[in-house]
Structures are given as C-alpha cells and as structure tokens.
C-alpha cells in the first residue's frame, strides 16, 4: 500500500476518534427519599461537533449528552436534583452500557415543578428546573412533530398558563445588565407573546460578538412575524 494512502487512512481514523464520544463507567445516584440507586450513563470524552443550538438555550449535541439536572427515582417516583444526590461511579462494571441520562418527559416535568415549593432551593436549582420545564414544553415544536407545523395552541390552556408563569420566573432570575441574559430576556418575552416588550429590548440591544448578532437577527425576524415558537439558531 502506498505511503500516502496509509497516511490518509490514519488521518481519517484520527478524525473519527476526535469526533467520537467515549463512554465511561456508569454513575449511580442515590435517591434522597428512598436511598435506592439509579444508574445513568457517563462519558470520559465528548464534543459539540454537529451540535444544534436553539433559541431557548437548549443544545442538542449527539457527541456530548448531558445528565438531566432534575431526576426521577425509578423506585419511589420522587423527584430530586442531581446536585443534591449522593453519587459514585461503578468502576467495577467498566464501561457503561446504558444511554440513560434521566431526561424527564413533559408530563413528568409538570410533576417535578413541585420542587419549586421547597424553601431551601438555590437560585441555580431553580434556574435548572425552570429551564428543564421550558425545554420539555418546547420539545413539541422542536423534534418529532416539528414537520407537522404544530402551533402554540397544540398545548392545553393549562400547559400554556404554566409555560408563561415559568417564563416570568426565569426572567426574574436573569440579569438584564448582562448582554447574554438581556437577549435571552427578549427571547422569553417573545415566547410569552409579549412582542412589544421583546422589540423594545431588541431595538436598543447592541451585540458584542457574532453569536449574539446571529441570534439578534433571527429573533427580530420572529418577533416581526409574531411567532412564539422556539427556533433553531444554528
């Protein structure tokens, strides 16, 4: 085999390895309520190659799956934050054979909102559960049924009300003096249907990098169309 051919094959192998996700040993979470362990996947190495970024900050990265910050115990059915659970890696088992990240469905996220009533909830945990609810709500328009042209009214009136209350909760946690937070605040007003508030923010917004500029351009277009649905940024 010619030297150039061998080098070409080696280069392809190196690129494939660089873009591959390397799984690690499973991580075991202990339910704070009943103490039963829950096995989830872990990764040693990953990357954002081929990732998609959405306007609600959801990132779909096939090579970098993330554990859901809010988990449901498979034994007792209680909900808990990953940050509050005891965890350890099952190194004896070797490489994890599960792809479970503990991602909750939208009906489960509705149940999990009860965690917001806990007095000891930190700002980080409140932000985590509110964004998880937002992402699961928007999944209806993001994935499987996206091709069907689902309208915002595909969610029940109760769900739409919860969604708007949750958007207000996120906005209250964000910092309008931060450029990234400010454009996100405008996006959340758009998703809530308050297009006047969104455009009043965007008219005075000055992007400081290319990512913000791309987001701003697409966001203004959606506001002018009076479109409340989440959209793909890149």
Protein backbone atom coordinates (compact mmCIF):
# COMPACT_ATOMS: atom_id res chain seq x y z
CA UNK A 1 0.00 0.00 0.00
CA UNK A 2 1.33 3.41 -0.92
CA UNK A 3 2.58 5.66 1.87
CA UNK A 4 0.11 8.46 1.01
CA UNK A 5 -2.80 6.03 1.16
CA UNK A 6 -1.71 4.79 4.59
CA UNK A 7 -1.36 8.35 5.87
CA UNK A 8 -4.80 9.20 4.50
CA UNK A 9 -6.37 6.25 6.32
CA UNK A 10 -4.58 7.20 9.55
CA UNK A 11 -5.82 10.77 9.22
CA UNK A 12 -9.44 9.59 8.77
CA UNK A 13 -9.13 7.33 11.83
CA UNK A 14 -7.75 10.20 13.91
CA UNK A 15 -10.60 12.49 12.84
CA UNK A 16 -13.20 9.81 13.65
CA UNK A 17 -11.63 9.29 17.06
CA UNK A 18 -11.58 13.02 17.76
CA UNK A 19 -15.27 13.32 16.93
CA UNK A 20 -16.30 10.19 18.84
CA UNK A 21 -17.91 10.08 22.25
CA UNK A 22 -16.05 7.87 24.74
CA UNK A 23 -18.33 6.36 27.42
CA UNK A 24 -17.15 5.94 30.99
CA UNK A 25 -18.28 3.79 33.91
CA UNK A 26 -21.94 4.19 34.91
CA UNK A 27 -22.74 6.75 37.58
CA UNK A 28 -25.02 5.66 40.42
CA UNK A 29 -27.27 8.29 42.01
CA UNK A 30 -28.77 7.63 45.43
CA UNK A 31 -32.37 8.80 45.74
CA UNK A 32 -32.56 11.28 48.65
CA UNK A 33 -36.00 9.93 49.57
CA UNK A 34 -35.70 6.13 49.50
CA UNK A 35 -31.96 5.58 49.06
CA UNK A 36 -32.31 3.31 46.03
CA UNK A 37 -29.60 3.73 43.39
CA UNK A 38 -30.28 4.89 39.85
CA UNK A 39 -27.80 4.00 37.11
CA UNK A 40 -27.06 6.63 34.46
CA UNK A 41 -24.53 6.94 31.67
CA UNK A 42 -21.28 8.86 31.91
CA UNK A 43 -18.73 9.91 29.31
CA UNK A 44 -14.96 10.26 29.53
CA UNK A 45 -14.71 12.45 26.45
CA UNK A 46 -17.15 14.19 24.12
CA UNK A 47 -17.51 17.22 21.89
CA UNK A 48 -20.05 19.58 20.37
CA UNK A 49 -19.35 18.56 16.77
CA UNK A 50 -22.66 18.62 14.89
CA UNK A 51 -24.49 20.26 17.80
CA UNK A 52 -27.66 22.32 17.28
CA UNK A 53 -28.38 25.42 19.37
CA UNK A 54 -31.96 26.57 19.95
CA UNK A 55 -33.33 29.94 20.99
CA UNK A 56 -34.37 28.66 24.46
CA UNK A 57 -30.70 27.69 25.14
CA UNK A 58 -31.35 24.01 24.51
CA UNK A 59 -28.37 22.37 22.82
CA UNK A 60 -28.71 19.05 21.01
CA UNK A 61 -25.20 17.56 20.99
CA UNK A 62 -25.12 13.87 19.94
CA UNK A 63 -21.47 13.54 21.00
CA UNK A 64 -21.92 15.30 24.34
CA UNK A 65 -25.07 14.05 26.10
CA UNK A 66 -25.78 15.74 29.43
CA UNK A 67 -27.43 14.25 32.51
CA UNK A 68 -30.70 15.93 33.34
CA UNK A 69 -30.26 18.19 36.39
CA UNK A 70 -33.69 17.01 37.61
CA UNK A 71 -34.14 13.28 38.10
CA UNK A 72 -36.99 10.90 38.93
CA UNK A 73 -36.43 7.89 41.15
CA UNK A 74 -37.46 4.70 39.35
CA UNK A 75 -38.27 3.07 42.70
CA UNK A 76 -40.37 5.57 44.70
CA UNK A 77 -41.20 8.07 41.95
CA UNK A 78 -39.91 11.13 43.81
CA UNK A 79 -38.10 13.96 42.04
CA UNK A 80 -34.72 15.32 43.07
CA UNK A 81 -31.84 17.45 41.87
CA UNK A 82 -28.68 15.72 40.76
CA UNK A 83 -26.74 18.30 42.77
CA UNK A 84 -28.43 17.10 45.97
CA UNK A 85 -27.96 13.36 45.44
CA UNK A 86 -25.06 11.23 46.61
CA UNK A 87 -23.29 9.74 43.61
CA UNK A 88 -20.47 7.37 42.78
CA UNK A 89 -19.04 5.71 39.70
CA UNK A 90 -19.39 1.94 39.36
CA UNK A 91 -15.79 1.38 38.29
CA UNK A 92 -16.07 -2.39 38.76
CA UNK A 93 -18.66 -2.59 35.99
CA UNK A 94 -16.31 -0.97 33.48
CA UNK A 95 -17.70 0.90 30.50
CA UNK A 96 -21.32 1.95 30.89
CA UNK A 97 -23.78 0.01 28.73
CA UNK A 98 -26.68 2.41 29.30
CA UNK A 99 -27.57 5.57 27.40
CA UNK A 100 -29.97 6.76 30.11
CA UNK A 101 -29.45 10.42 31.05
CA UNK A 102 -32.56 10.61 33.24
CA UNK A 103 -34.27 13.03 30.87
CA UNK A 104 -37.84 13.65 32.01
CA UNK A 105 -40.90 13.81 29.80
CA UNK A 106 -43.08 16.92 29.75
CA UNK A 107 -45.77 15.34 32.00
CA UNK A 108 -43.02 14.38 34.45
CA UNK A 109 -41.60 17.91 34.38
CA UNK A 110 -45.05 19.23 35.29
CA UNK A 111 -44.98 16.99 38.35
CA UNK A 112 -41.39 17.95 39.14
CA UNK A 113 -42.32 21.65 39.41
CA UNK A 114 -43.41 20.87 42.97
CA UNK A 115 -39.70 21.11 43.82
CA UNK A 116 -40.02 24.89 43.38
CA UNK A 117 -42.03 24.98 46.60
CA UNK A 118 -39.01 23.90 48.65
CA UNK A 119 -37.71 26.73 50.85
CA UNK A 120 -34.10 25.58 50.57
CA UNK A 121 -34.00 25.78 46.78
CA UNK A 122 -30.92 27.63 45.50
CA UNK A 123 -31.01 30.05 42.55
CA UNK A 124 -29.02 27.51 40.49
CA UNK A 125 -31.51 24.71 41.19
CA UNK A 126 -34.50 26.94 40.47
CA UNK A 127 -32.90 28.01 37.20
CA UNK A 128 -32.21 24.36 36.34
CA UNK A 129 -35.77 23.15 36.88
CA UNK A 130 -37.32 26.14 35.12
CA UNK A 131 -35.16 25.65 32.03
CA UNK A 132 -35.86 21.90 32.01
CA UNK A 133 -39.58 22.67 32.04
CA UNK A 134 -39.10 25.22 29.23
CA UNK A 135 -37.13 22.75 27.12
CA UNK A 136 -39.63 19.93 27.56
CA UNK A 137 -42.51 22.28 26.77
CA UNK A 138 -40.77 23.39 23.59
CA UNK A 139 -39.87 19.86 22.51
CA UNK A 140 -43.33 19.55 20.96
CA UNK A 141 -42.30 22.16 18.40
CA UNK A 142 -38.66 21.12 18.25
CA UNK A 143 -38.47 17.46 17.29
CA UNK A 144 -40.79 14.65 16.22
CA UNK A 145 -43.83 16.76 15.44
CA UNK A 146 -41.95 19.76 14.08
CA UNK A 147 -42.70 18.72 10.50
CA UNK A 148 -46.44 18.80 11.22
CA UNK A 149 -46.34 22.55 11.84
CA UNK A 150 -47.62 22.40 15.42
CA UNK A 151 -48.98 25.72 16.66
CA UNK A 152 -48.50 27.07 20.16
CA UNK A 153 -52.13 26.06 20.80
CA UNK A 154 -51.13 22.40 20.46
CA UNK A 155 -50.51 22.62 24.21
CA UNK A 156 -53.51 22.72 26.54
CA UNK A 157 -54.63 26.00 28.10
CA UNK A 158 -53.35 24.75 31.46
CA UNK A 159 -49.93 23.97 29.97
CA UNK A 160 -49.76 27.34 28.21
CA UNK A 161 -50.52 29.06 31.53
CA UNK A 162 -47.79 27.10 33.32
CA UNK A 163 -45.42 27.92 30.48
CA UNK A 164 -46.00 31.67 30.76
CA UNK A 165 -45.67 31.59 34.55
CA UNK A 166 -42.42 29.69 34.16
CA UNK A 167 -41.11 32.25 31.63
CA UNK A 168 -41.78 35.02 34.16
CA UNK A 169 -39.90 33.01 36.77
CA UNK A 170 -36.85 32.66 34.51
CA UNK A 171 -36.88 36.36 33.57
CA UNK A 172 -36.86 37.27 37.28
CA UNK A 173 -33.69 35.19 37.76
CA UNK A 174 -31.78 36.75 34.84
CA UNK A 175 -29.52 39.80 34.92
CA UNK A 176 -30.54 42.50 32.36
CA UNK A 177 -27.12 44.16 32.73
CA UNK A 178 -25.55 41.07 31.15
CA UNK A 179 -25.63 41.04 27.32
CA UNK A 180 -26.31 37.29 27.06
CA UNK A 181 -29.06 37.47 29.67
CA UNK A 182 -30.64 40.54 28.08
CA UNK A 183 -31.13 38.99 24.65
CA UNK A 184 -32.46 35.86 26.34
CA UNK A 185 -34.95 38.01 28.27
CA UNK A 186 -36.17 39.41 24.94
CA UNK A 187 -36.50 35.85 23.61
CA UNK A 188 -38.54 34.78 26.63
CA UNK A 189 -40.89 37.75 26.23
CA UNK A 190 -41.31 36.69 22.58
CA UNK A 191 -42.17 33.14 23.63
CA UNK A 192 -44.72 34.52 26.09
CA UNK A 193 -46.37 36.50 23.28
CA UNK A 194 -45.28 39.93 24.55
CA UNK A 195 -43.81 41.08 21.24
CA UNK A 196 -43.87 44.80 22.16
CA UNK A 197 -41.69 44.17 25.22
CA UNK A 198 -39.35 41.98 23.20
CA UNK A 199 -38.87 44.51 20.41
CA UNK A 200 -38.37 47.39 22.88
CA UNK A 201 -35.40 45.48 24.30
CA UNK A 202 -34.01 44.48 20.91
CA UNK A 203 -34.21 48.00 19.46
CA UNK A 204 -31.60 49.12 21.99
CA UNK A 205 -29.55 45.91 22.02
CA UNK A 206 -26.02 46.01 20.63
CA UNK A 207 -24.45 42.56 20.04
CA UNK A 208 -20.84 42.19 21.13
CA UNK A 209 -19.98 39.03 19.17
CA UNK A 210 -21.01 37.06 16.09
CA UNK A 211 -23.13 34.59 18.07
CA UNK A 212 -25.21 37.38 19.59
CA UNK A 213 -25.51 39.07 16.19
CA UNK A 214 -26.88 35.88 14.59
CA UNK A 215 -29.32 35.36 17.47
CA UNK A 216 -30.45 39.00 17.28
CA UNK A 217 -31.10 38.89 13.54
CA UNK A 218 -33.24 35.74 13.74
CA UNK A 219 -35.01 36.88 16.89
CA UNK A 220 -36.10 40.20 15.35
CA UNK A 221 -37.46 38.29 12.36
CA UNK A 222 -39.54 36.02 14.62
CA UNK A 223 -40.83 38.97 16.64
CA UNK A 224 -41.96 40.75 13.47
CA UNK A 225 -43.75 37.56 12.40
CA UNK A 226 -45.39 37.40 15.87
CA UNK A 227 -44.15 33.84 16.14
CA UNK A 228 -43.95 32.46 19.72
CA UNK A 229 -42.35 29.11 18.90
CA UNK A 230 -38.78 28.16 19.71
CA UNK A 231 -36.43 28.30 16.71
CA UNK A 232 -33.10 26.89 15.60
CA UNK A 233 -30.17 29.33 15.79
CA UNK A 234 -27.54 27.10 14.18
